[in-house]
Each structure stands twice: as C-alpha cells, then as structure tokens.
Amino acid sequence: MKCTTRTLYSGTDEKPVMQWVAALLPSVLFLLSSTVSAQTLTYEEAKAKIPNQNLPDFWISTVDDLADRWQRLQHGTATTIATSPGGHPLHLIAFGEREDLPHQANFNSAIGGKEPAAYMDKDAREKPVVYFVGPVHGHEVEGLTGLVNLIQVMETGRDLRGKDQTSLQQLGQRCRVLIVPAGNPDGIARFEPRSCRGMTLDEFQFWGQGTSSDDTIAIWPVSKRRHPRVGPEIGWLGCYFNNDGINPMHDEFFAPMGPEAPAILKVAMKEGPDVAVSLHSHGAAPTVLRPAYVPMEVQERVRSLAQRHNALLSLRDLPHGGVFEPESESGKVPPPFNLTSALYHISGAMAFTHECPHGIVGEKMCDVTFDQILDIQLTLYEVMFQQALDGR
C-alpha cells in the first residue's frame, strides 16, 4: 500500500495564510506540491478516460436506487427533508427514538443567555445523537458508500460485503443515529464515473470542479471564486454543485441560495446532535480537518477524536494523515465559515469535516483499494459513536 502521510503544523511563526492552509485544508498540500497547469479537457475526452474497473457490489455511488433501498428498511425510518433543483429528494434516515426535551430558545440565543440548556439539555437524554452528512460534493462518493453500508449495518449487523459488523451495530444502537446519505444528489447524479479511483489529478479536477467555456479545467480554489457557478464563461459544471450551480458547503447560510444546506441545518437545529460530521474526500490520506469559528474547547474535542481515529486506522493497517493544532481564526485570508461551522452554531454539535482518500493516482496521492476506503469510513463511524458515548 502506497500512501503519503503528513503531520500538519500550526504556530505563531507561520505566515497567516499558510497557517490557515495547513490547519484547515490539508488537501491543498498535495495540490500545491503538484505541478498544476491550465489543462483542457472536454466532456467527451473525460468520459473516454474513465478508468475501466469493476466496481464492487458494496460500492454505492448513485442516487438512482436510494429511495427503493429506504422502502425496505426494517429498523430505520426514512423521510424526505428537501428536494434539489434537479428534482432529487434529500433523505434523512434515522435509527433510535427521538427524545423530546424542553426547547426554550435557539442555540444562538441560549448562548447569549449564558445557558446552553435553554436550547437543549443534552445531558438529560438517555442516548447521545450522532449526525452524519453525506457528500455535498457530488464526486466525493466515498461517504455515500460508507453511509449506505452503515445503514445496512444498523439494519442487519453486516455491511454490504457480508462482513460481520456486530460491534459497530451495537455501538450505534446505543445512540440516536441520523444519516443524510446524499447531501448533494444533483452533483452525485452528474458523476458518471461513480468513482475517482485510478484517475489522474486533471481528470479528478474535471469531474469535481468542471471547466470554463474554453474547456480549461477549473482548479481549486479558483473554482470557488464564482458562486453560483453559472454564466457563459462556465463550461461543464462539475459535481461540486447542484443544478443551480450552488456548492452546499458554501451556501449563504443567512440567506440560503439552495435547498440542501438549509435542510441539513434544520435537522441539526431540531435534533441537537452531540457529534456531527460532513463527509468529504480528497487525494491525500484520511484527515479530520480543524473546524473553523468554533470554541477552542470544541476544537480540542475534535482533535481528540482525530487522534483516536488515527490510532485505530494504524491498528487496522489503514492509512492516516496528521492531526491539526487548535487555533483561533486569523490572517489576511481567514478560513471560510462553512457548513461545518454552521452545524456548530445552530446546534452546539461537536462538528467537523472528514476527508477520505479517493485513490487517485500520482506520486503524492494516497493509493487505496475500494475495501480500504469502506474500512476507513466505518472506522470513523465507530470512533464517532464511541466519542459520543464517552461524552455522556
């Protein structure tokens, strides 16, 4: 197994912009260290370059059959929380009974009143609440595969490989489990390859970020400088965005532009999760990112989870990245206030972003198999359940 791992540093001797890059977005490390030129790729060329590989049966990377799956649930319940601009439903799958608690204020006002329990007395619940938000970037389907397998585990005690996951199921049964398997179903529906594994960096960027009208591949972070991503200068849209060109990770949370982020946040506001994750993917090793614009105490708890995750990945001979250092927001270009930040500010959840490797090819990329990707995901879920239970 070939996989480059890195320790992420943060300190007062770092330049502010590089401090942000290292602490918040480790995926930029392999992008900046690669020679990225203005390559062009047409849609037809990109389709022709899709790696020829047999996707395993446990690999779920399309929204086409999700509704049928949810109709067969025996223990979980499925509800539709929104409809995307492309007409795709956003589903919420829930396991465990919801415990009604007194709710006198929204989280923001409760904090202003110096009494978080005025929003929700989470310690009064018998079970912690764990919230999983599946890919809001449509080509990052590793989280969708992981969550559909988690739902299978909660239903049967086995994942879609038939592998026994009784211990994971038992941990989940001690929690209320909330799962939005597909946070951006429009983008997932647009993702024809169904996996980025085996792609080059350019091909991966094409499917994720799209192109300009002259077929130049849109490269991160420049691709985020037009939002919504619409207009005559845009070529192929890419899978980051819904059909209206909105990236749910960077919606305008105080005046929403799309339906996905508000629906995801409404679930958090109503349920008050103890732990929440936004599942993403990149080219490097698995990494928990530092949540921005949250208290240092929350960052410390997320850092503890990251250390726990890395230790378990190492024990299972799976790749892992570095661990961030908590810090306050600073710099000429500060970190963005994104969906993960909003999850904390609407519910008080210990919210974070997890980046899973795609398995794209290249010297500085993390080489993983489909099975390893699923195991990385399931290991994260195990750690989240345990962290939530320990917090009781």
Protein backbone atom coordinates (compact mmCIF):
# COMPACT_ATOMS: atom_id res chain seq x y z
CA MET A 1 0.00 0.00 0.00
CA LYS A 2 1.43 3.35 -1.06
CA CYS A 3 0.18 6.37 0.80
CA THR A 4 1.89 9.59 1.76
CA THR A 5 1.06 10.80 5.27
CA ARG A 6 1.89 14.18 6.74
CA THR A 7 1.80 15.88 10.12
CA LEU A 8 0.11 19.26 9.94
CA TYR A 9 1.77 22.12 11.79
CA SER A 10 0.39 25.36 13.11
CA GLY A 11 2.11 28.05 15.12
CA THR A 12 2.67 31.74 15.57
CA ASP A 13 5.84 31.62 13.47
CA GLU A 14 3.88 30.59 10.39
CA LYS A 15 2.59 33.09 7.86
CA PRO A 16 -1.15 33.56 8.42
CA VAL A 17 -2.26 32.28 5.01
CA MET A 18 -0.06 29.19 5.17
CA GLN A 19 -1.19 28.65 8.76
CA TRP A 20 -4.78 28.50 7.53
CA VAL A 21 -3.86 26.18 4.66
CA ALA A 22 -2.02 23.76 6.93
CA ALA A 23 -4.62 23.71 9.67
CA LEU A 24 -7.87 23.80 7.76
CA LEU A 25 -7.31 22.32 4.33
CA PRO A 26 -4.64 19.62 4.24
CA SER A 27 -5.76 18.58 0.79
CA VAL A 28 -4.10 21.74 -0.51
CA LEU A 29 -0.73 20.25 0.36
CA PHE A 30 -0.76 17.72 -2.42
CA LEU A 31 -2.36 20.19 -4.84
CA LEU A 32 0.22 22.90 -4.21
CA SER A 33 3.09 20.43 -4.36
CA SER A 34 1.91 19.13 -7.74
CA THR A 35 2.67 20.97 -10.94
CA VAL A 36 -0.80 22.13 -11.95
CA SER A 37 -1.08 23.89 -15.29
CA ALA A 38 -4.07 25.17 -17.18
CA GLN A 39 -5.01 21.86 -18.79
CA THR A 40 -8.01 21.47 -21.02
CA LEU A 41 -10.38 18.54 -21.15
CA THR A 42 -13.67 18.20 -22.98
CA TYR A 43 -16.60 16.25 -21.63
CA GLU A 44 -16.16 13.65 -24.37
CA GLU A 45 -12.45 13.27 -23.58
CA ALA A 46 -13.17 12.96 -19.86
CA LYS A 47 -15.74 10.23 -20.48
CA ALA A 48 -13.26 8.33 -22.65
CA LYS A 49 -10.67 8.49 -19.84
CA ILE A 50 -12.91 6.98 -17.14
CA PRO A 51 -10.88 4.08 -15.67
CA ASN A 52 -12.12 0.69 -16.77
CA GLN A 53 -12.66 -1.11 -13.49
CA ASN A 54 -15.25 -3.36 -11.95
CA LEU A 55 -16.94 -1.59 -9.07
CA PRO A 56 -17.71 -3.96 -6.18
CA ASP A 57 -21.32 -4.55 -5.22
CA PHE A 58 -20.84 -2.76 -1.90
CA TRP A 59 -19.77 0.42 -3.73
CA ILE A 60 -22.82 2.70 -3.74
CA SER A 61 -22.21 5.86 -5.76
CA THR A 62 -25.50 6.71 -7.39
CA VAL A 63 -28.76 8.16 -6.11
CA ASP A 64 -30.87 6.17 -8.58
CA ASP A 65 -31.86 3.33 -6.24
CA LEU A 66 -31.71 5.03 -2.85
CA ALA A 67 -35.47 5.51 -2.49
CA ASP A 68 -36.04 1.80 -3.19
CA ARG A 69 -33.48 0.91 -0.54
CA TRP A 70 -35.21 3.03 2.07
CA GLN A 71 -38.56 1.34 1.39
CA ARG A 72 -37.00 -1.93 2.58
CA LEU A 73 -35.85 -0.57 5.95
CA GLN A 74 -37.00 -2.63 8.93
CA HIS A 75 -35.48 -0.66 11.81
CA GLY A 76 -34.69 2.76 10.42
CA THR A 77 -37.15 5.38 9.21
CA ALA A 78 -36.74 7.45 6.06
CA THR A 79 -38.13 10.94 5.48
CA THR A 80 -37.63 13.46 2.69
CA ILE A 81 -36.26 16.72 4.06
CA ALA A 82 -35.85 18.67 0.79
CA THR A 83 -35.93 18.41 -2.98
CA SER A 84 -32.92 19.50 -5.03
CA PRO A 85 -33.14 21.87 -8.01
CA GLY A 86 -32.76 18.77 -10.20
CA GLY A 87 -35.79 17.15 -8.56
CA HIS A 88 -33.87 14.66 -6.41
CA PRO A 89 -35.03 14.05 -2.82
CA LEU A 90 -32.74 14.57 0.15
CA HIS A 91 -33.42 11.71 2.53
CA LEU A 92 -32.90 11.53 6.28
CA ILE A 93 -32.52 8.03 7.72
CA ALA A 94 -32.99 7.80 11.49
CA PHE A 95 -32.34 4.98 13.97
CA GLY A 96 -33.48 5.17 17.57
CA GLU A 97 -36.32 7.11 19.13
CA ARG A 98 -36.13 10.88 19.36
CA GLU A 99 -36.22 12.10 22.95
CA ASP A 100 -38.29 15.25 23.36
CA LEU A 101 -36.57 17.83 25.55
CA PRO A 102 -37.68 21.29 26.66
CA HIS A 103 -36.71 23.82 23.99
CA GLN A 104 -36.93 27.39 25.18
CA ALA A 105 -34.52 29.14 22.79
CA ASN A 106 -32.45 28.63 19.69
CA PHE A 107 -28.79 27.79 20.32
CA ASN A 108 -27.52 31.28 19.49
CA SER A 109 -29.88 32.96 21.95
CA ALA A 110 -29.24 30.33 24.63
CA ILE A 111 -25.52 31.03 24.40
CA GLY A 112 -26.28 34.74 24.55
CA GLY A 113 -28.24 34.00 27.72
CA LYS A 114 -25.24 32.05 29.08
CA GLU A 115 -27.29 28.88 29.47
CA PRO A 116 -26.87 26.28 26.67
CA ALA A 117 -29.56 24.09 28.27
CA ALA A 118 -32.12 26.75 27.37
CA TYR A 119 -31.65 25.46 23.82
CA MET A 120 -31.48 21.80 24.79
CA ASP A 121 -30.30 19.96 27.88
CA LYS A 122 -28.38 17.29 26.00
CA ASP A 123 -27.15 15.68 29.22
CA ALA A 124 -30.74 14.83 30.08
CA ARG A 125 -31.01 12.45 27.13
CA GLU A 126 -30.58 8.74 27.62
CA LYS A 127 -28.77 8.41 24.28
CA PRO A 128 -26.38 10.78 22.51
CA VAL A 129 -27.29 11.90 18.99
CA VAL A 130 -24.80 11.36 16.16
CA TYR A 131 -25.37 13.10 12.82
CA PHE A 132 -23.78 12.02 9.52
CA VAL A 133 -23.98 14.34 6.50
CA GLY A 134 -23.12 12.57 3.26
CA PRO A 135 -21.30 14.16 0.32
CA VAL A 136 -22.28 17.72 -0.51
CA HIS A 137 -19.74 17.49 -3.35
CA GLY A 138 -21.14 15.01 -5.83
CA HIS A 139 -17.92 13.28 -6.91
CA GLU A 140 -16.89 12.58 -3.29
CA VAL A 141 -18.97 9.41 -3.18
CA GLU A 142 -16.81 7.60 -0.63
CA GLY A 143 -19.05 8.99 2.11
CA LEU A 144 -22.19 7.83 0.31
CA THR A 145 -20.81 4.31 0.05
CA GLY A 146 -19.84 4.38 3.71
CA LEU A 147 -23.21 5.63 4.92
CA VAL A 148 -25.28 3.17 2.87
CA ASN A 149 -23.10 0.43 4.34
CA LEU A 150 -23.63 1.89 7.83
CA ILE A 151 -27.39 1.77 7.27
CA GLN A 152 -27.02 -1.88 6.27
CA VAL A 153 -25.01 -2.49 9.44
CA MET A 154 -27.69 -0.84 11.59
CA GLU A 155 -30.33 -2.98 9.89
CA THR A 156 -28.56 -6.37 9.82
CA GLY A 157 -25.25 -6.27 11.72
CA ARG A 158 -23.35 -6.81 8.46
CA ASP A 159 -22.06 -4.44 5.81
CA LEU A 160 -22.82 -4.88 2.11
CA ARG A 161 -19.77 -7.15 1.76
CA GLY A 162 -21.43 -9.54 4.19
CA LYS A 163 -18.73 -8.77 6.77
CA ASP A 164 -19.82 -9.03 10.39
CA GLN A 165 -20.08 -5.60 12.00
CA THR A 166 -21.96 -6.53 15.17
CA SER A 167 -19.76 -4.38 17.41
CA LEU A 168 -20.38 -1.32 15.23
CA GLN A 169 -24.12 -2.04 15.19
CA GLN A 170 -24.18 -2.34 18.98
CA LEU A 171 -22.41 1.00 19.37
CA GLY A 172 -24.89 2.60 17.01
CA GLN A 173 -27.84 1.11 18.88
CA ARG A 174 -26.71 2.98 21.99
CA CYS A 175 -27.13 6.27 20.10
CA ARG A 176 -29.78 8.05 18.09
CA VAL A 177 -28.30 7.92 14.59
CA LEU A 178 -29.20 10.48 11.92
CA ILE A 179 -27.95 10.00 8.37
CA VAL A 180 -28.31 12.19 5.29
CA PRO A 181 -26.69 9.79 2.80
CA ALA A 182 -26.52 12.23 -0.13
CA GLY A 183 -26.07 15.91 0.73
CA ASN A 184 -25.99 16.99 -2.93
CA PRO A 185 -27.95 14.48 -5.01
CA ASP A 186 -27.77 16.66 -8.13
CA GLY A 187 -23.97 16.55 -8.09
CA ILE A 188 -23.93 12.81 -7.39
CA ALA A 189 -26.33 12.18 -10.27
CA ARG A 190 -23.97 14.15 -12.56
CA PHE A 191 -20.98 11.98 -11.55
CA GLU A 192 -20.84 9.39 -14.32
CA PRO A 193 -17.59 7.57 -13.39
CA ARG A 194 -19.04 6.52 -9.98
CA SER A 195 -15.51 6.53 -8.53
CA CYS A 196 -12.42 8.73 -8.83
CA ARG A 197 -10.14 5.82 -8.02
CA GLY A 198 -7.46 5.41 -10.70
CA MET A 199 -7.95 8.90 -12.14
CA THR A 200 -5.19 11.44 -12.69
CA LEU A 201 -5.32 14.79 -10.90
CA ASP A 202 -6.60 16.56 -14.02
CA GLU A 203 -9.38 14.02 -14.57
CA PHE A 204 -10.33 14.21 -10.90
CA GLN A 205 -10.46 18.01 -11.05
CA PHE A 206 -12.62 17.88 -14.20
CA TRP A 207 -15.31 15.77 -12.56
CA GLY A 208 -15.19 17.74 -9.34
CA GLN A 209 -14.80 21.37 -10.39
CA GLY A 210 -15.82 21.30 -14.06
CA THR A 211 -14.41 23.58 -16.76
CA SER A 212 -14.60 27.06 -18.15
CA SER A 213 -16.23 27.63 -21.53
CA ASP A 214 -12.89 27.08 -23.32
CA ASP A 215 -12.61 23.59 -21.72
CA THR A 216 -9.90 24.68 -19.27
CA ILE A 217 -10.20 22.56 -16.12
CA ALA A 218 -11.37 24.57 -13.12
CA ILE A 219 -8.78 24.13 -10.38
CA TRP A 220 -9.40 24.54 -6.63
CA PRO A 221 -9.58 27.14 -5.11
CA VAL A 222 -10.10 29.37 -8.16
CA SER A 223 -13.24 27.40 -8.96
CA LYS A 224 -14.86 28.82 -5.81
CA ARG A 225 -14.46 32.43 -6.94
CA ARG A 226 -17.73 32.37 -8.88
CA HIS A 227 -20.75 31.29 -6.88
CA PRO A 228 -23.31 30.36 -8.06
CA ARG A 229 -21.19 28.76 -10.75
CA VAL A 230 -23.30 29.83 -13.71
CA GLY A 231 -22.89 32.07 -16.74
CA PRO A 232 -21.45 31.99 -20.27
CA GLU A 233 -17.86 31.57 -19.02
CA ILE A 234 -18.74 28.24 -17.38
CA GLY A 235 -18.36 25.10 -19.47
CA TRP A 236 -19.11 21.70 -17.92
CA LEU A 237 -20.48 22.36 -14.44
CA GLY A 238 -18.73 19.66 -12.42
CA CYS A 239 -20.13 17.70 -9.49
CA TYR A 240 -19.33 20.13 -6.67
CA PHE A 241 -22.54 21.96 -7.42
CA ASN A 242 -26.27 21.38 -7.56
CA ASN A 243 -28.14 22.05 -10.79
CA ASP A 244 -28.31 25.77 -9.94
CA GLY A 245 -24.53 25.98 -9.54
CA ILE A 246 -24.65 26.14 -5.72
CA ASN A 247 -21.98 24.48 -3.60
CA PRO A 248 -23.87 23.49 -0.40
CA MET A 249 -20.66 23.69 1.64
CA HIS A 250 -20.55 27.44 0.94
CA ASP A 251 -24.19 28.39 0.70
CA GLU A 252 -25.15 31.80 2.11
CA PHE A 253 -26.42 30.40 5.39
CA PHE A 254 -28.15 33.64 6.47
CA ALA A 255 -29.90 33.97 3.07
CA PRO A 256 -29.80 30.47 1.53
CA MET A 257 -29.34 30.10 -2.21
CA GLY A 258 -30.12 26.38 -2.38
CA PRO A 259 -32.34 23.90 -0.53
CA GLU A 260 -29.69 21.38 0.60
CA ALA A 261 -27.78 23.30 3.30
CA PRO A 262 -30.93 24.70 4.99
CA ALA A 263 -32.45 21.21 5.16
CA ILE A 264 -29.27 19.75 6.65
CA LEU A 265 -29.10 22.55 9.22
CA LYS A 266 -32.78 22.28 10.11
CA VAL A 267 -32.24 18.64 11.12
CA ALA A 268 -29.35 19.74 13.36
CA MET A 269 -31.38 22.57 14.89
CA LYS A 270 -34.27 20.24 15.70
CA GLU A 271 -32.22 17.28 16.95
CA GLY A 272 -29.30 18.97 18.72
CA PRO A 273 -26.65 16.37 17.81
CA ASP A 274 -23.76 15.74 20.16
CA VAL A 275 -21.39 14.87 17.30
CA ALA A 276 -21.77 15.72 13.60
CA VAL A 277 -19.61 15.16 10.53
CA SER A 278 -19.61 16.44 6.96
CA LEU A 279 -18.07 13.69 4.83
CA HIS A 280 -15.68 14.76 2.07
CA SER A 281 -12.86 13.21 0.03
CA HIS A 282 -9.51 14.29 -1.38
CA GLY A 283 -6.32 12.82 -2.84
CA ALA A 284 -4.28 12.58 0.36
CA ALA A 285 -4.51 10.32 3.41
CA PRO A 286 -7.62 10.31 5.64
CA THR A 287 -7.76 13.51 7.68
CA VAL A 288 -10.02 15.22 10.19
CA LEU A 289 -9.96 18.96 9.48
CA ARG A 290 -9.89 21.68 12.08
CA PRO A 291 -13.38 23.17 12.44
CA ALA A 292 -13.34 26.94 11.94
CA TYR A 293 -15.13 29.56 14.04
CA VAL A 294 -15.85 27.28 16.97
CA PRO A 295 -14.56 27.49 20.56
CA MET A 296 -11.12 26.13 21.35
CA GLU A 297 -12.73 23.54 23.63
CA VAL A 298 -14.68 22.15 20.67
CA GLN A 299 -11.51 22.09 18.58
CA GLU A 300 -9.76 20.17 21.35
CA ARG A 301 -12.55 17.58 21.40
CA VAL A 302 -12.40 17.19 17.63
CA ARG A 303 -8.62 16.86 17.86
CA SER A 304 -9.08 14.08 20.41
CA LEU A 305 -11.42 12.31 18.01
CA ALA A 306 -8.85 12.70 15.21
CA GLN A 307 -6.13 11.14 17.37
CA ARG A 308 -8.45 8.29 18.27
CA HIS A 309 -9.32 7.76 14.61
CA ASN A 310 -5.66 7.74 13.55
CA ALA A 311 -4.77 5.23 16.26
CA LEU A 312 -7.50 2.85 15.15
CA LEU A 313 -6.59 3.27 11.47
CA SER A 314 -2.98 2.46 12.31
CA LEU A 315 -4.03 -0.60 14.31
CA ARG A 316 -6.01 -1.82 11.28
CA ASP A 317 -3.12 -1.12 8.87
CA LEU A 318 -5.05 1.65 7.14
CA PRO A 319 -3.50 4.97 6.05
CA HIS A 320 -3.94 8.15 8.05
CA GLY A 321 -2.84 11.77 7.91
CA GLY A 322 -1.72 14.24 10.53
CA VAL A 323 -3.60 15.89 13.38
CA PHE A 324 -4.36 19.63 13.43
CA GLU A 325 -3.48 22.04 16.22
CA PRO A 326 -6.36 24.12 17.62
CA GLU A 327 -6.08 27.84 16.88
CA SER A 328 -8.13 30.99 16.52
CA GLU A 329 -9.09 32.41 13.15
CA SER A 330 -6.63 34.92 11.72
CA GLY A 331 -4.82 36.01 8.61
CA LYS A 332 -5.37 38.30 5.67
CA VAL A 333 -7.41 35.50 4.10
CA PRO A 334 -9.13 33.82 7.07
CA PRO A 335 -10.78 30.40 6.86
CA PRO A 336 -14.33 30.33 5.48
CA PHE A 337 -17.36 29.97 7.68
CA ASN A 338 -18.73 26.84 6.01
CA LEU A 339 -21.40 24.19 6.53
CA THR A 340 -19.39 22.56 9.32
CA SER A 341 -19.12 25.89 11.15
CA ALA A 342 -22.85 26.41 10.72
CA LEU A 343 -23.62 22.97 12.18
CA TYR A 344 -21.98 24.02 15.43
CA HIS A 345 -23.60 27.45 15.55
CA ILE A 346 -27.11 26.13 15.01
CA SER A 347 -26.94 23.15 17.38
CA GLY A 348 -23.81 23.22 19.54
CA ALA A 349 -22.67 19.95 17.95
CA MET A 350 -19.06 18.86 18.00
CA ALA A 351 -18.99 19.26 14.22
CA PHE A 352 -16.08 18.52 11.91
CA THR A 353 -15.15 17.68 8.32
CA HIS A 354 -13.55 14.36 7.41
CA GLU A 355 -11.57 13.90 4.20
CA CYS A 356 -11.30 10.35 2.84
CA PRO A 357 -8.88 9.38 0.04
CA HIS A 358 -10.35 8.81 -3.42
CA GLY A 359 -7.49 6.62 -4.59
CA ILE A 360 -6.46 8.91 -7.43
CA VAL A 361 -3.05 8.18 -8.96
CA GLY A 362 0.11 10.23 -8.60
CA GLU A 363 3.31 10.43 -6.59
CA LYS A 364 1.79 12.44 -3.76
CA MET A 365 -1.59 10.70 -3.65
CA CYS A 366 -2.91 8.06 -1.27
CA ASP A 367 -3.26 4.70 -3.00
CA VAL A 368 -6.20 2.79 -1.51
CA THR A 369 -8.47 -0.05 -2.57
CA PHE A 370 -12.26 0.05 -2.53
CA ASP A 371 -12.26 -2.17 0.55
CA GLN A 372 -9.82 0.12 2.35
CA ILE A 373 -11.99 3.14 1.56
CA LEU A 374 -15.01 1.45 3.12
CA ASP A 375 -12.98 0.36 6.15
CA ILE A 376 -11.73 3.95 6.63
CA GLN A 377 -15.32 5.17 6.62
CA LEU A 378 -16.61 2.51 9.01
CA THR A 379 -13.67 3.13 11.35
CA LEU A 380 -14.59 6.81 11.50
CA TYR A 381 -18.20 5.98 12.36
CA GLU A 382 -17.06 3.65 15.13
CA VAL A 383 -14.91 6.37 16.64
CA MET A 384 -17.76 8.89 16.43
CA PHE A 385 -20.15 6.57 18.24
CA GLN A 386 -17.57 5.87 20.93
CA GLN A 387 -16.71 9.54 21.35
CA ALA A 388 -20.39 10.45 21.72
CA LEU A 389 -20.94 7.69 24.28
CA ASP A 390 -17.84 8.60 26.25
CA GLY A 391 -19.09 12.18 26.37
CA ARG A 392 -22.09 11.07 28.42
